[in-house]
Amino acid sequence: MNMWRTIDRLLGRPVCQLCGAVGLGPDICSGCFRDLPWNRQACPVCARPVATPGLCAPCVSRQPAFERAQAPLVYAFPVDRLLQRLKYGRYLPHARLLGELTGHRLRRLAERPAAIVPVPLHWRRFRSRGFNQASEIASIVARVTRVPLRDICRRRKNTPPLWSLPPPERRRQVAGAFECRHAPPKHVAVLDDVLTTGATAEALAVTLLRHGARRVDVWAVARSPGRLGQPQALRNV
């Protein structure tokens, strides 16, 4: 029997988180799934959407500390609304949907890491928000990909929100922001919700490499196609 039909029979028909339609898959209907902003053509290093195949201009001039980034979706409607509602509206069911979408794409990779390391929040930010959206998504991705989750890093600097800062200032703010509590495996994937300039992911990658990792990849739900501005007001999605 089809897995989704089994879930349908046992738990009742699931409802799409985007349009409210009843469907056979958990949390999203086939129409909304088809219309998602998939990151179909991206830089093979940083996952930035590109017009033509090959490296993007920043990666031509400078190789980041991480080996390769993977982001199945583009940070555009409705993915941006889902992530904003999760992060600022504390709507945790979106973590399940986004983790499933990300995990099912990433489990196709021929070469997978030994562990997933979610980008940590500073304890003050965690206490204020009540959860870490990267960890919530990472737990779903770990289950789908069968790559173990290793929460081995902590954020020792309470950096300000980075969305309004230019790339050089972002890099300055997150430099030295992380530390490892345990030695990482040789090949790990840092997981975050959105990859924008890559400053946070790179800072964490540098920390993991200094503590013994040989290769660090970056996994994210979505990649920003350009400079990210102020988060837009939350809407019902």
Protein backbone atom coordinates (compact mmCIF):
# COMPACT_ATOMS: atom_id res chain seq x y z
CA MET A 1 0.00 0.00 0.00
CA ASN A 2 1.23 3.52 -0.77
CA MET A 3 2.81 5.07 2.35
CA TRP A 4 0.75 8.26 2.14
CA ARG A 5 -2.46 6.26 1.76
CA THR A 6 -1.51 4.34 4.90
CA ILE A 7 -1.05 7.61 6.79
CA ASP A 8 -4.35 8.83 5.32
CA ARG A 9 -6.12 5.71 6.58
CA LEU A 10 -4.62 5.82 10.07
CA LEU A 11 -4.55 9.54 10.86
CA GLY A 12 -7.08 11.11 8.55
CA ARG A 13 -6.40 12.96 5.35
CA PRO A 14 -3.55 15.50 5.71
CA VAL A 15 -4.06 19.14 4.86
CA CYS A 16 -1.64 21.24 2.78
CA GLN A 17 0.04 23.89 4.92
CA LEU A 18 0.06 26.30 1.99
CA CYS A 19 -3.42 26.20 0.48
CA GLY A 20 -5.45 24.08 2.88
CA ALA A 21 -6.32 21.50 0.25
CA VAL A 22 -6.67 17.87 1.19
CA GLY A 23 -4.03 15.68 -0.39
CA LEU A 24 -2.24 12.34 -0.20
CA GLY A 25 1.12 13.68 1.00
CA PRO A 26 1.85 15.08 4.46
CA ASP A 27 1.65 18.87 4.78
CA ILE A 28 1.64 19.80 1.08
CA CYS A 29 -0.52 19.03 -1.93
CA SER A 30 0.82 18.07 -5.34
CA GLY A 31 -0.06 21.45 -6.89
CA CYS A 32 1.77 23.51 -4.25
CA PHE A 33 4.72 21.09 -4.35
CA ARG A 34 5.01 21.55 -8.11
CA ASP A 35 4.87 25.36 -7.81
CA LEU A 36 7.58 25.70 -5.15
CA PRO A 37 10.62 27.83 -6.15
CA TRP A 38 13.04 24.97 -6.70
CA ASN A 39 16.70 25.89 -6.99
CA ARG A 40 17.13 24.14 -10.32
CA GLN A 41 20.33 25.80 -11.58
CA ALA A 42 22.82 26.81 -8.93
CA CYS A 43 26.51 27.49 -8.38
CA PRO A 44 28.08 24.10 -7.55
CA VAL A 45 29.99 25.61 -4.62
CA CYS A 46 27.67 28.04 -2.81
CA ALA A 47 24.26 27.04 -4.29
CA ARG A 48 23.49 30.59 -5.44
CA PRO A 49 20.95 30.56 -8.30
CA VAL A 50 22.76 31.32 -11.56
CA ALA A 51 21.59 32.19 -15.06
CA THR A 52 24.08 29.86 -16.76
CA PRO A 53 25.73 26.66 -15.49
CA GLY A 54 28.99 27.08 -13.59
CA LEU A 55 30.50 28.95 -10.69
CA CYS A 56 29.04 32.28 -9.60
CA ALA A 57 31.31 35.34 -9.67
CA PRO A 58 32.06 35.39 -5.89
CA CYS A 59 33.12 31.72 -5.95
CA VAL A 60 35.35 32.30 -8.98
CA SER A 61 37.27 34.93 -7.03
CA ARG A 62 37.23 33.20 -3.63
CA GLN A 63 36.69 29.60 -2.48
CA PRO A 64 34.76 29.54 0.82
CA ALA A 65 35.91 27.46 3.76
CA PHE A 66 33.17 24.91 3.14
CA GLU A 67 33.46 22.45 0.29
CA ARG A 68 29.99 22.60 -1.22
CA ALA A 69 26.55 23.98 -0.37
CA GLN A 70 23.20 22.39 -1.13
CA ALA A 71 19.92 24.34 -0.97
CA PRO A 72 16.98 22.68 -2.72
CA LEU A 73 14.79 25.80 -2.71
CA VAL A 74 15.13 29.50 -3.50
CA TYR A 75 14.24 31.98 -0.77
CA ALA A 76 11.15 33.30 -2.52
CA PHE A 77 7.38 33.02 -2.10
CA PRO A 78 6.03 30.89 -0.46
CA VAL A 79 9.20 29.46 1.11
CA ASP A 80 10.12 32.85 2.58
CA ARG A 81 6.72 33.07 4.31
CA LEU A 82 7.05 29.54 5.69
CA LEU A 83 10.48 30.26 7.14
CA GLN A 84 9.44 33.62 8.57
CA ARG A 85 6.36 32.15 10.19
CA LEU A 86 8.44 29.34 11.66
CA LYS A 87 11.20 31.61 12.93
CA TYR A 88 9.25 34.64 14.13
CA GLY A 89 5.74 33.24 14.47
CA ARG A 90 6.85 30.02 16.22
CA TYR A 91 4.74 27.84 13.94
CA LEU A 92 6.69 24.60 14.38
CA PRO A 93 4.69 22.45 11.90
CA HIS A 94 6.48 24.37 9.14
CA ALA A 95 9.78 22.87 10.38
CA ARG A 96 8.38 19.43 9.60
CA LEU A 97 7.31 20.44 6.10
CA LEU A 98 10.57 22.25 5.28
CA GLY A 99 12.67 19.44 6.76
CA GLU A 100 10.81 16.85 4.69
CA LEU A 101 11.22 18.85 1.47
CA THR A 102 14.92 19.40 2.14
CA GLY A 103 15.67 15.89 3.31
CA HIS A 104 14.01 14.14 0.39
CA ARG A 105 16.12 16.18 -2.04
CA LEU A 106 19.39 15.76 -0.15
CA ARG A 107 19.09 12.03 0.38
CA ARG A 108 19.72 11.66 -3.36
CA LEU A 109 23.31 12.87 -2.97
CA ALA A 110 25.88 10.27 -3.94
CA GLU A 111 28.33 11.44 -1.26
CA ARG A 112 26.79 12.22 2.10
CA PRO A 113 28.41 13.42 5.34
CA ALA A 114 28.88 11.41 8.51
CA ALA A 115 26.87 13.90 10.57
CA ILE A 116 24.61 16.94 10.39
CA VAL A 117 25.53 19.88 12.65
CA PRO A 118 22.77 22.50 13.04
CA VAL A 119 23.82 26.14 13.29
CA PRO A 120 23.48 26.88 17.02
CA LEU A 121 21.74 29.84 18.63
CA HIS A 122 23.27 31.80 21.47
CA TRP A 123 21.64 30.78 24.74
CA ARG A 124 20.09 34.23 25.18
CA ARG A 125 18.46 34.06 21.74
CA PHE A 126 17.34 30.49 22.43
CA ARG A 127 15.76 31.51 25.74
CA SER A 128 13.94 34.40 24.05
CA ARG A 129 12.71 32.38 21.06
CA GLY A 130 12.17 29.09 22.84
CA PHE A 131 13.61 26.93 20.07
CA ASN A 132 16.29 26.80 17.38
CA GLN A 133 14.70 26.63 13.93
CA ALA A 134 17.86 25.11 12.43
CA SER A 135 17.79 22.28 14.97
CA GLU A 136 14.08 21.67 14.40
CA ILE A 137 14.60 21.37 10.65
CA ALA A 138 17.82 19.38 11.07
CA SER A 139 16.09 16.71 13.13
CA ILE A 140 13.68 16.04 10.24
CA VAL A 141 16.45 16.12 7.62
CA ALA A 142 18.48 13.66 9.71
CA ARG A 143 15.55 11.26 9.88
CA VAL A 144 14.82 11.43 6.15
CA THR A 145 18.45 11.18 4.99
CA ARG A 146 19.51 8.77 7.77
CA VAL A 147 22.52 10.96 8.50
CA PRO A 148 23.04 11.31 12.28
CA LEU A 149 22.39 14.64 13.97
CA ARG A 150 25.31 15.87 16.09
CA ASP A 151 24.65 18.97 18.18
CA ILE A 152 28.33 19.45 19.00
CA CYS A 153 28.82 23.20 18.59
CA ARG A 154 27.73 26.21 20.57
CA ARG A 155 27.49 29.91 19.81
CA ARG A 156 29.62 31.83 22.28
CA LYS A 157 28.96 35.30 20.84
CA ASN A 158 25.46 36.76 20.90
CA THR A 159 25.68 38.36 17.47
CA PRO A 160 23.05 40.88 16.36
CA PRO A 161 20.55 40.01 13.61
CA LEU A 162 22.55 39.92 10.37
CA TRP A 163 19.88 40.53 7.72
CA SER A 164 20.44 44.31 7.62
CA LEU A 165 24.26 44.19 7.56
CA PRO A 166 26.49 44.28 4.46
CA PRO A 167 28.53 41.11 3.79
CA PRO A 168 31.85 42.41 5.25
CA GLU A 169 30.12 43.37 8.50
CA ARG A 170 28.35 40.02 8.67
CA ARG A 171 31.69 38.25 8.39
CA ARG A 172 33.19 40.46 11.09
CA GLN A 173 30.29 39.84 13.46
CA VAL A 174 30.38 36.04 13.19
CA ALA A 175 34.18 35.64 13.20
CA GLY A 176 35.02 33.50 16.22
CA ALA A 177 31.35 33.21 17.19
CA PHE A 178 31.36 29.40 17.47
CA GLU A 179 33.18 26.68 19.33
CA CYS A 180 33.07 22.87 19.32
CA ARG A 181 32.25 20.98 22.50
CA HIS A 182 33.28 17.65 20.95
CA ALA A 183 35.51 16.62 18.06
CA PRO A 184 33.55 16.47 14.78
CA PRO A 185 33.60 13.59 12.28
CA LYS A 186 35.85 13.97 9.28
CA HIS A 187 32.97 14.92 6.96
CA VAL A 188 30.09 17.01 8.32
CA ALA A 189 27.28 19.13 6.94
CA VAL A 190 26.33 22.38 8.63
CA LEU A 191 22.57 22.90 8.42
CA ASP A 192 20.82 26.28 8.48
CA ASP A 193 17.42 27.54 7.40
CA VAL A 194 18.54 30.11 4.80
CA LEU A 195 21.89 30.64 3.13
CA THR A 196 22.37 34.30 2.24
CA THR A 197 25.94 35.60 2.10
CA GLY A 198 27.24 32.39 3.69
CA ALA A 199 29.05 34.29 6.48
CA THR A 200 27.49 32.29 9.33
CA ALA A 201 27.96 28.95 7.60
CA GLU A 202 31.57 29.77 6.77
CA ALA A 203 32.38 30.84 10.34
CA LEU A 204 31.00 27.55 11.65
CA ALA A 205 32.85 25.63 8.92
CA VAL A 206 36.14 27.27 9.95
CA THR A 207 35.51 26.23 13.56
CA LEU A 208 34.76 22.62 12.60
CA LEU A 209 37.86 22.42 10.40
CA ARG A 210 40.03 23.74 13.21
CA HIS A 211 38.67 21.02 15.50
CA GLY A 212 39.46 18.13 13.19
CA ALA A 213 36.91 17.98 10.38
CA ARG A 214 38.45 17.41 6.96
CA ARG A 215 35.45 18.44 4.89
CA VAL A 216 32.50 20.67 5.72
CA ASP A 217 29.48 21.01 3.46
CA VAL A 218 26.56 23.37 3.99
CA TRP A 219 22.95 22.26 3.78
CA ALA A 220 20.12 24.78 3.84
CA VAL A 221 16.42 24.79 3.10
CA ALA A 222 16.71 27.78 0.78
CA ARG A 223 19.26 30.01 -0.90
CA SER A 224 18.77 33.72 -1.23
CA PRO A 225 19.11 34.77 -4.89
CA GLY A 226 20.65 38.10 -3.90
CA ARG A 227 21.04 40.49 -1.03
CA LEU A 228 18.41 39.80 1.58
CA GLY A 229 16.52 42.81 2.89
CA GLN A 230 14.40 43.28 5.96
CA PRO A 231 12.04 40.34 6.63
CA GLN A 232 8.60 41.11 5.30
CA ALA A 233 5.58 41.15 7.55
CA LEU A 234 4.19 37.73 8.36
CA ARG A 235 1.12 36.64 6.46
CA ASN A 236 -1.12 33.65 6.79
CA VAL A 237 0.15 30.88 4.54
